[in-house]
Amino acid sequence: MREGLAMGLDYTHTWTCYEGRELACGVCGSCRERLAAFAVNGVTDPLAYSVSTPIGQR
């Protein structure tokens, strides 16, 4: 995550959710890891989630 942020990677175009729906679920293991990585790096995840407050952002 840190290297991608340093390179200016647009994380809006990345996907990690296991659910395979239009919006990321925000609760599966992959979504939780993604949200935690953004939190550790002090950045808000730009991805839209199907839940109003994903678990990693509570």
PDB file of N, CA and C in Angstrom:
ATOM      1  N   MET A   1       0.826  -1.176   0.000  1.00  0.00           N
ATOM      2  CA  MET A   1       0.000   0.000   0.000  1.00  0.00           C
ATOM      3  C   MET A   1       0.880   1.253   0.000  1.00  0.00           C
ATOM      4  N   ARG A   2       1.836   1.287   0.882  1.00  0.00           N
ATOM      5  CA  ARG A   2       2.689   2.472   1.012  1.00  0.00           C
ATOM      6  C   ARG A   2       3.387   2.805  -0.306  1.00  0.00           C
ATOM      7  N   GLU A   3       3.908   1.776  -0.982  1.00  0.00           N
ATOM      8  CA  GLU A   3       4.622   2.008  -2.242  1.00  0.00           C
ATOM      9  C   GLU A   3       3.668   2.527  -3.316  1.00  0.00           C
ATOM     10  N   GLY A   4       2.473   1.955  -3.366  1.00  0.00           N
ATOM     11  CA  GLY A   4       1.477   2.409  -4.338  1.00  0.00           C
ATOM     12  C   GLY A   4       1.076   3.852  -4.102  1.00  0.00           C
ATOM     13  N   LEU A   5       0.885   4.219  -2.854  1.00  0.00           N
ATOM     14  CA  LEU A   5       0.559   5.610  -2.529  1.00  0.00           C
ATOM     15  C   LEU A   5       1.691   6.541  -2.932  1.00  0.00           C
ATOM     16  N   ALA A   6       2.928   6.121  -2.676  1.00  0.00           N
ATOM     17  CA  ALA A   6       4.090   6.947  -3.030  1.00  0.00           C
ATOM     18  C   ALA A   6       4.181   7.146  -4.540  1.00  0.00           C
ATOM     19  N   MET A   7       3.751   6.135  -5.312  1.00  0.00           N
ATOM     20  CA  MET A   7       3.793   6.232  -6.781  1.00  0.00           C
ATOM     21  C   MET A   7       2.569   6.946  -7.346  1.00  0.00           C
ATOM     22  N   GLY A   8       1.606   7.268  -6.487  1.00  0.00           N
ATOM     23  CA  GLY A   8       0.404   7.948  -6.950  1.00  0.00           C
ATOM     24  C   GLY A   8      -0.637   7.009  -7.545  1.00  0.00           C
ATOM     25  N   LEU A   9      -0.571   5.728  -7.192  1.00  0.00           N
ATOM     26  CA  LEU A   9      -1.532   4.758  -7.695  1.00  0.00           C
ATOM     27  C   LEU A   9      -2.948   5.167  -7.308  1.00  0.00           C
ATOM     28  N   ASP A  10      -3.855   5.123  -8.270  1.00  0.00           N
ATOM     29  CA  ASP A  10      -5.256   5.463  -8.024  1.00  0.00           C
ATOM     30  C   ASP A  10      -5.966   4.197  -7.532  1.00  0.00           C
ATOM     31  N   TYR A  11      -6.157   4.079  -6.243  1.00  0.00           N
ATOM     32  CA  TYR A  11      -6.763   2.890  -5.657  1.00  0.00           C
ATOM     33  C   TYR A  11      -8.261   2.788  -5.933  1.00  0.00           C
ATOM     34  N   THR A  12      -8.838   3.801  -6.585  1.00  0.00           N
ATOM     35  CA  THR A  12     -10.230   3.734  -7.002  1.00  0.00           C
ATOM     36  C   THR A  12     -10.422   2.605  -8.007  1.00  0.00           C
ATOM     37  N   HIS A  13      -9.372   2.297  -8.756  1.00  0.00           N
ATOM     38  CA  HIS A  13      -9.438   1.287  -9.816  1.00  0.00           C
ATOM     39  C   HIS A  13      -8.935  -0.082  -9.359  1.00  0.00           C
ATOM     40  N   THR A  14      -8.860  -0.302  -8.048  1.00  0.00           N
ATOM     41  CA  THR A  14      -8.440  -1.609  -7.532  1.00  0.00           C
ATOM     42  C   THR A  14      -9.619  -2.252  -6.825  1.00  0.00           C
ATOM     43  N   TRP A  15      -9.607  -3.579  -6.743  1.00  0.00           N
ATOM     44  CA  TRP A  15     -10.728  -4.324  -6.163  1.00  0.00           C
ATOM     45  C   TRP A  15     -10.189  -5.480  -5.334  1.00  0.00           C
ATOM     46  N   THR A  16     -10.735  -5.668  -4.146  1.00  0.00           N
ATOM     47  CA  THR A  16     -10.286  -6.776  -3.315  1.00  0.00           C
ATOM     48  C   THR A  16     -11.428  -7.622  -2.759  1.00  0.00           C
ATOM     49  N   CYS A  17     -12.661  -7.152  -2.850  1.00  0.00           N
ATOM     50  CA  CYS A  17     -13.806  -7.822  -2.228  1.00  0.00           C
ATOM     51  C   CYS A  17     -14.062  -9.204  -2.826  1.00  0.00           C
ATOM     52  N   TYR A  18     -14.357 -10.164  -1.951  1.00  0.00           N
ATOM     53  CA  TYR A  18     -14.657 -11.536  -2.377  1.00  0.00           C
ATOM     54  C   TYR A  18     -16.078 -11.691  -2.912  1.00  0.00           C
ATOM     55  N   GLU A  19     -16.973 -10.781  -2.593  1.00  0.00           N
ATOM     56  CA  GLU A  19     -18.391 -10.937  -2.904  1.00  0.00           C
ATOM     57  C   GLU A  19     -18.719 -10.837  -4.391  1.00  0.00           C
ATOM     58  N   GLY A  20     -17.954 -10.082  -5.158  1.00  0.00           N
ATOM     59  CA  GLY A  20     -18.183  -9.984  -6.596  1.00  0.00           C
ATOM     60  C   GLY A  20     -19.432  -9.205  -6.990  1.00  0.00           C
ATOM     61  N   ARG A  21     -19.879  -8.321  -6.150  1.00  0.00           N
ATOM     62  CA  ARG A  21     -21.052  -7.493  -6.446  1.00  0.00           C
ATOM     63  C   ARG A  21     -20.614  -6.154  -7.020  1.00  0.00           C
ATOM     64  N   GLU A  22     -21.579  -5.304  -7.289  1.00  0.00           N
ATOM     65  CA  GLU A  22     -21.279  -3.987  -7.861  1.00  0.00           C
ATOM     66  C   GLU A  22     -20.469  -3.117  -6.903  1.00  0.00           C
ATOM     67  N   LEU A  23     -20.781  -3.210  -5.610  1.00  0.00           N
ATOM     68  CA  LEU A  23     -20.050  -2.485  -4.575  1.00  0.00           C
ATOM     69  C   LEU A  23     -19.354  -3.482  -3.665  1.00  0.00           C
ATOM     70  N   ALA A  24     -18.221  -3.084  -3.129  1.00  0.00           N
ATOM     71  CA  ALA A  24     -17.507  -3.933  -2.170  1.00  0.00           C
ATOM     72  C   ALA A  24     -18.362  -4.066  -0.910  1.00  0.00           C
ATOM     73  N   CYS A  25     -18.296  -5.230  -0.252  1.00  0.00           N
ATOM     74  CA  CYS A  25     -19.168  -5.491   0.902  1.00  0.00           C
ATOM     75  C   CYS A  25     -18.728  -4.748   2.161  1.00  0.00           C
ATOM     76  N   GLY A  26     -17.419  -4.580   2.355  1.00  0.00           N
ATOM     77  CA  GLY A  26     -16.911  -3.899   3.542  1.00  0.00           C
ATOM     78  C   GLY A  26     -16.787  -4.785   4.766  1.00  0.00           C
ATOM     79  N   VAL A  27     -17.163  -6.062   4.649  1.00  0.00           N
ATOM     80  CA  VAL A  27     -17.128  -6.937   5.821  1.00  0.00           C
ATOM     81  C   VAL A  27     -16.338  -8.229   5.612  1.00  0.00           C
ATOM     82  N   CYS A  28     -16.081  -8.637   4.379  1.00  0.00           N
ATOM     83  CA  CYS A  28     -15.314  -9.871   4.155  1.00  0.00           C
ATOM     84  C   CYS A  28     -13.857  -9.647   4.580  1.00  0.00           C
ATOM     85  N   GLY A  29     -13.120 -10.726   4.714  1.00  0.00           N
ATOM     86  CA  GLY A  29     -11.734 -10.632   5.152  1.00  0.00           C
ATOM     87  C   GLY A  29     -10.890  -9.727   4.273  1.00  0.00           C
ATOM     88  N   SER A  30     -11.106  -9.805   2.983  1.00  0.00           N
ATOM     89  CA  SER A  30     -10.325  -8.988   2.060  1.00  0.00           C
ATOM     90  C   SER A  30     -10.646  -7.501   2.214  1.00  0.00           C
ATOM     91  N   CYS A  31     -11.926  -7.182   2.358  1.00  0.00           N
ATOM     92  CA  CYS A  31     -12.310  -5.781   2.577  1.00  0.00           C
ATOM     93  C   CYS A  31     -11.734  -5.262   3.893  1.00  0.00           C
ATOM     94  N   ARG A  32     -11.770  -6.100   4.924  1.00  0.00           N
ATOM     95  CA  ARG A  32     -11.227  -5.685   6.226  1.00  0.00           C
ATOM     96  C   ARG A  32      -9.726  -5.407   6.131  1.00  0.00           C
ATOM     97  N   GLU A  33      -9.009  -6.260   5.419  1.00  0.00           N
ATOM     98  CA  GLU A  33      -7.565  -6.046   5.263  1.00  0.00           C
ATOM     99  C   GLU A  33      -7.288  -4.775   4.472  1.00  0.00           C
ATOM    100  N   ARG A  34      -8.062  -4.550   3.430  1.00  0.00           N
ATOM    101  CA  ARG A  34      -7.897  -3.342   2.614  1.00  0.00           C
ATOM    102  C   ARG A  34      -8.135  -2.094   3.461  1.00  0.00           C
ATOM    103  N   LEU A  35      -9.239  -2.075   4.192  1.00  0.00           N
ATOM    104  CA  LEU A  35      -9.567  -0.923   5.026  1.00  0.00           C
ATOM    105  C   LEU A  35      -8.509  -0.693   6.104  1.00  0.00           C
ATOM    106  N   ALA A  36      -7.997  -1.770   6.665  1.00  0.00           N
ATOM    107  CA  ALA A  36      -6.945  -1.645   7.682  1.00  0.00           C
ATOM    108  C   ALA A  36      -5.680  -1.055   7.075  1.00  0.00           C
ATOM    109  N   ALA A  37      -5.334  -1.464   5.864  1.00  0.00           N
ATOM    110  CA  ALA A  37      -4.131  -0.937   5.202  1.00  0.00           C
ATOM    111  C   ALA A  37      -4.271   0.557   4.941  1.00  0.00           C
ATOM    112  N   PHE A  38      -5.444   0.992   4.518  1.00  0.00           N
ATOM    113  CA  PHE A  38      -5.655   2.429   4.315  1.00  0.00           C
ATOM    114  C   PHE A  38      -5.550   3.165   5.646  1.00  0.00           C
ATOM    115  N   ALA A  39      -6.140   2.611   6.688  1.00  0.00           N
ATOM    116  CA  ALA A  39      -6.108   3.255   8.003  1.00  0.00           C
ATOM    117  C   ALA A  39      -4.682   3.384   8.522  1.00  0.00           C
ATOM    118  N   VAL A  40      -3.889   2.330   8.396  1.00  0.00           N
ATOM    119  CA  VAL A  40      -2.497   2.347   8.853  1.00  0.00           C
ATOM    120  C   VAL A  40      -1.705   3.434   8.131  1.00  0.00           C
ATOM    121  N   ASN A  41      -2.060   3.685   6.873  1.00  0.00           N
ATOM    122  CA  ASN A  41      -1.351   4.693   6.082  1.00  0.00           C
ATOM    123  C   ASN A  41      -1.998   6.072   6.159  1.00  0.00           C
ATOM    124  N   GLY A  42      -3.028   6.209   6.987  1.00  0.00           N
ATOM    125  CA  GLY A  42      -3.660   7.506   7.203  1.00  0.00           C
ATOM    126  C   GLY A  42      -4.401   8.046   5.995  1.00  0.00           C
ATOM    127  N   VAL A  43      -4.929   7.137   5.164  1.00  0.00           N
ATOM    128  CA  VAL A  43      -5.617   7.537   3.933  1.00  0.00           C
ATOM    129  C   VAL A  43      -7.011   6.924   3.935  1.00  0.00           C
ATOM    130  N   THR A  44      -7.993   7.661   3.430  1.00  0.00           N
ATOM    131  CA  THR A  44      -9.348   7.140   3.296  1.00  0.00           C
ATOM    132  C   THR A  44      -9.454   6.306   2.033  1.00  0.00           C
ATOM    133  N   ASP A  45     -10.041   5.145   2.132  1.00  0.00           N
ATOM    134  CA  ASP A  45     -10.239   4.266   0.981  1.00  0.00           C
ATOM    135  C   ASP A  45     -11.237   4.914   0.029  1.00  0.00           C
ATOM    136  N   PRO A  46     -10.873   5.100  -1.244  1.00  0.00           N
ATOM    137  CA  PRO A  46     -11.769   5.741  -2.196  1.00  0.00           C
ATOM    138  C   PRO A  46     -12.851   4.819  -2.757  1.00  0.00           C
ATOM    139  N   LEU A  47     -12.787   3.534  -2.427  1.00  0.00           N
ATOM    140  CA  LEU A  47     -13.732   2.563  -2.961  1.00  0.00           C
ATOM    141  C   LEU A  47     -15.099   2.701  -2.293  1.00  0.00           C
ATOM    142  N   ALA A  48     -16.156   2.562  -3.080  1.00  0.00           N
ATOM    143  CA  ALA A  48     -17.524   2.596  -2.534  1.00  0.00           C
ATOM    144  C   ALA A  48     -17.855   1.237  -1.926  1.00  0.00           C
ATOM    145  N   TYR A  49     -18.513   1.267  -0.774  1.00  0.00           N
ATOM    146  CA  TYR A  49     -18.907   0.044  -0.078  1.00  0.00           C
ATOM    147  C   TYR A  49     -20.418  -0.025   0.045  1.00  0.00           C
ATOM    148  N   SER A  50     -20.952  -1.240   0.092  1.00  0.00           N
ATOM    149  CA  SER A  50     -22.399  -1.428   0.171  1.00  0.00           C
ATOM    150  C   SER A  50     -22.952  -1.144   1.564  1.00  0.00           C
ATOM    151  N   VAL A  51     -22.101  -1.123   2.579  1.00  0.00           N
ATOM    152  CA  VAL A  51     -22.534  -0.773   3.934  1.00  0.00           C
ATOM    153  C   VAL A  51     -22.145   0.670   4.205  1.00  0.00           C
ATOM    154  N   SER A  52     -22.941   1.366   5.012  1.00  0.00           N
ATOM    155  CA  SER A  52     -22.674   2.796   5.231  1.00  0.00           C
ATOM    156  C   SER A  52     -21.366   3.044   5.965  1.00  0.00           C
ATOM    157  N   THR A  53     -21.003   2.168   6.905  1.00  0.00           N
ATOM    158  CA  THR A  53     -19.729   2.302   7.629  1.00  0.00           C
ATOM    159  C   THR A  53     -19.058   0.944   7.644  1.00  0.00           C
ATOM    160  N   PRO A  54     -18.124   0.708   6.708  1.00  0.00           N
ATOM    161  CA  PRO A  54     -17.429  -0.585   6.705  1.00  0.00           C
ATOM    162  C   PRO A  54     -16.759  -0.849   8.041  1.00  0.00           C
ATOM    163  N   ILE A  55     -16.637  -2.105   8.402  1.00  0.00           N
ATOM    164  CA  ILE A  55     -16.088  -2.513   9.701  1.00  0.00           C
ATOM    165  C   ILE A  55     -14.743  -1.871   9.993  1.00  0.00           C
ATOM    166  N   GLY A  56     -13.854  -1.790   9.023  1.00  0.00           N
ATOM    167  CA  GLY A  56     -12.531  -1.216   9.248  1.00  0.00           C
ATOM    168  C   GLY A  56     -12.535   0.273   9.511  1.00  0.00           C
ATOM    169  N   GLN A  57     -13.671   0.940   9.256  1.00  0.00           N
ATOM    170  CA  GLN A  57     -13.739   2.385   9.465  1.00  0.00           C
ATOM    171  C   GLN A  57     -14.543   2.765  10.698  1.00  0.00           C
ATOM    172  N   ARG A  58     -14.961   1.773  11.493  1.00  0.00           N
ATOM    173  CA  ARG A  58     -15.761   2.053  12.707  1.00  0.00           C
ATOM    174  C   ARG A  58     -14.875   2.505  13.832  1.00  0.00           C
TER     175      ARG A  58
END
